[in-house]
N, C-alpha and C. Protein backbone atom coordinates (compact mmCIF):
# COMPACT_ATOMS: atom_id res chain seq x y z
N UNK A 1 135.00 80.23 172.07
CA UNK A 1 136.15 79.47 172.52
C UNK A 1 137.26 79.51 171.48
N UNK A 2 136.92 79.45 170.22
CA UNK A 2 137.90 79.50 169.15
C UNK A 2 138.61 80.85 169.15
N UNK A 3 137.84 81.92 169.42
CA UNK A 3 138.41 83.26 169.47
C UNK A 3 139.44 83.37 170.60
N UNK A 4 139.14 82.79 171.74
CA UNK A 4 140.05 82.81 172.89
C UNK A 4 141.35 82.07 172.55
N UNK A 5 141.22 80.92 171.91
CA UNK A 5 142.39 80.13 171.54
C UNK A 5 143.25 80.87 170.52
N UNK A 6 142.64 81.52 169.55
CA UNK A 6 143.41 82.23 168.53
C UNK A 6 144.13 83.44 169.14
N UNK A 7 143.49 84.10 170.10
CA UNK A 7 144.19 85.21 170.77
C UNK A 7 145.37 84.69 171.59
N UNK A 8 145.20 83.53 172.22
CA UNK A 8 146.28 82.94 173.01
C UNK A 8 147.48 82.58 172.13
N UNK A 9 147.23 82.06 170.96
CA UNK A 9 148.30 81.66 170.04
C UNK A 9 149.04 82.89 169.52
N UNK A 10 148.33 83.98 169.28
CA UNK A 10 148.95 85.20 168.74
C UNK A 10 149.68 86.02 169.80
N UNK A 11 149.37 85.82 171.07
CA UNK A 11 149.98 86.61 172.15
C UNK A 11 151.43 86.16 172.35
N UNK A 12 152.37 87.09 172.20
CA UNK A 12 153.79 86.76 172.33
C UNK A 12 154.45 87.43 173.53
N UNK A 13 153.68 88.01 174.42
CA UNK A 13 154.28 88.71 175.56
C UNK A 13 154.97 87.74 176.52
N UNK A 14 154.44 86.55 176.68
CA UNK A 14 155.08 85.56 177.54
C UNK A 14 156.37 85.04 176.94
N UNK A 15 156.45 84.99 175.62
CA UNK A 15 157.66 84.51 174.96
C UNK A 15 158.84 85.43 175.25
N UNK A 16 158.57 86.73 175.32
CA UNK A 16 159.64 87.68 175.61
C UNK A 16 160.19 87.45 177.01
N UNK A 17 159.32 87.22 177.98
CA UNK A 17 159.77 86.97 179.35
C UNK A 17 160.61 85.69 179.41
N UNK A 18 160.20 84.68 178.69
CA UNK A 18 160.96 83.43 178.67
C UNK A 18 162.33 83.64 178.04
N UNK A 19 162.38 84.41 176.98
CA UNK A 19 163.67 84.69 176.33
C UNK A 19 164.61 85.44 177.26
N UNK A 20 164.10 86.43 177.98
CA UNK A 20 164.93 87.16 178.94
C UNK A 20 165.40 86.24 180.06
N UNK A 21 164.55 85.34 180.48
CA UNK A 21 164.94 84.37 181.51
C UNK A 21 166.05 83.45 181.03
N UNK A 22 165.96 83.00 179.79
CA UNK A 22 167.01 82.14 179.24
C UNK A 22 168.32 82.89 179.09
N UNK A 23 168.26 84.14 178.67
CA UNK A 23 169.49 84.94 178.55
C UNK A 23 170.13 85.12 179.92
N UNK A 24 169.32 85.42 180.94
CA UNK A 24 169.85 85.59 182.29
C UNK A 24 170.47 84.30 182.80
N UNK A 25 169.86 83.17 182.50
CA UNK A 25 170.40 81.88 182.94
C UNK A 25 171.73 81.58 182.26
N UNK A 26 171.83 81.87 180.97
CA UNK A 26 173.08 81.62 180.24
C UNK A 26 174.20 82.52 180.76
N UNK A 27 173.88 83.78 181.02
CA UNK A 27 174.88 84.71 181.58
C UNK A 27 175.33 84.23 182.96
N UNK A 28 174.38 83.78 183.77
CA UNK A 28 174.72 83.28 185.10
C UNK A 28 175.63 82.08 185.06
N UNK A 29 175.35 81.15 184.16
CA UNK A 29 176.20 79.96 184.02
C UNK A 29 177.60 80.37 183.57
N UNK A 30 177.68 81.34 182.66
CA UNK A 30 178.99 81.81 182.20
C UNK A 30 179.80 82.44 183.32
N UNK A 31 179.13 83.23 184.15
CA UNK A 31 179.83 83.86 185.28
C UNK A 31 180.32 82.81 186.26
N UNK A 32 179.48 81.86 186.58
CA UNK A 32 179.88 80.80 187.53
C UNK A 32 181.03 79.97 186.96
N UNK A 33 180.97 79.68 185.67
CA UNK A 33 182.04 78.89 185.05
C UNK A 33 183.36 79.65 185.04
N UNK A 34 183.32 80.96 184.91
CA UNK A 34 184.54 81.75 184.87
C UNK A 34 185.13 82.03 186.23
N UNK A 35 184.35 81.85 187.30
CA UNK A 35 184.86 82.15 188.64
C UNK A 35 185.93 81.17 189.12
N UNK A 36 185.87 79.93 188.70
CA UNK A 36 186.85 78.93 189.13
C UNK A 36 188.27 79.30 188.74
N UNK A 37 188.53 79.48 187.46
CA UNK A 37 189.89 79.84 187.04
C UNK A 37 190.32 81.21 187.57
N UNK A 38 189.39 82.14 187.67
CA UNK A 38 189.72 83.47 188.19
C UNK A 38 190.14 83.38 189.65
N UNK A 39 189.44 82.58 190.43
CA UNK A 39 189.77 82.41 191.85
C UNK A 39 191.17 81.81 192.00
N UNK A 40 191.47 80.80 191.21
CA UNK A 40 192.80 80.19 191.29
C UNK A 40 193.90 81.18 190.91
N UNK A 41 193.67 81.97 189.88
CA UNK A 41 194.67 82.95 189.45
C UNK A 41 194.88 84.02 190.52
N UNK A 42 193.81 84.47 191.13
CA UNK A 42 193.96 85.49 192.19
C UNK A 42 194.67 84.92 193.41
N UNK A 43 194.35 83.69 193.78
CA UNK A 43 195.04 83.06 194.92
C UNK A 43 196.54 82.93 194.65
N UNK A 44 196.89 82.54 193.45
CA UNK A 44 198.30 82.42 193.08
C UNK A 44 198.99 83.77 193.13
N UNK A 45 198.34 84.78 192.56
CA UNK A 45 198.93 86.12 192.52
C UNK A 45 199.13 86.67 193.92
N UNK A 46 198.11 86.61 194.76
CA UNK A 46 198.24 87.15 196.11
C UNK A 46 199.18 86.31 196.97
N UNK A 47 199.27 85.02 196.70
CA UNK A 47 200.24 84.19 197.42
C UNK A 47 201.66 84.59 197.08
N UNK A 48 201.91 84.88 195.80
CA UNK A 48 203.24 85.33 195.37
C UNK A 48 203.58 86.67 196.00
N UNK A 49 202.62 87.58 196.01
CA UNK A 49 202.85 88.90 196.62
C UNK A 49 203.13 88.76 198.10
N UNK A 50 202.38 87.91 198.78
CA UNK A 50 202.58 87.70 200.20
C UNK A 50 203.96 87.13 200.49
N UNK A 51 204.39 86.19 199.67
CA UNK A 51 205.72 85.59 199.84
C UNK A 51 206.81 86.65 199.64
N UNK A 52 206.68 87.46 198.61
CA UNK A 52 207.69 88.50 198.32
C UNK A 52 207.74 89.52 199.45
N UNK A 53 206.56 89.90 199.96
CA UNK A 53 206.55 90.87 201.06
C UNK A 53 207.16 90.28 202.34
N UNK A 54 206.90 88.99 202.56
CA UNK A 54 207.49 88.32 203.73
C UNK A 54 209.00 88.24 203.61
N UNK A 55 209.50 87.97 202.43
CA UNK A 55 210.93 87.92 202.21
C UNK A 55 211.56 89.30 202.36
N UNK A 56 210.88 90.32 201.91
CA UNK A 56 211.42 91.68 202.01
C UNK A 56 211.43 92.16 203.46
N UNK A 57 210.44 91.73 204.23
CA UNK A 57 210.39 92.13 205.64
C UNK A 57 211.40 91.40 206.50
N UNK A 58 211.84 90.22 206.09
CA UNK A 58 212.78 89.42 206.86
C UNK A 58 214.21 89.95 206.71
N UNK A 59 214.47 90.74 205.70
CA UNK A 59 215.83 91.21 205.46
C UNK A 59 216.18 92.35 206.36
């Protein structure tokens, strides 16, 4: 039983999977956090373009 416990303590393969999971979660949170301001900027830009094209077509 002691041998089994010592092998379990030395095994680090699960730690690598957990680290990759944490990295993926942090990247995901960063992407989600950046989408809000990006969406607003794109809406403003395309709204301005739409207005300019509407004004140019009315002339």
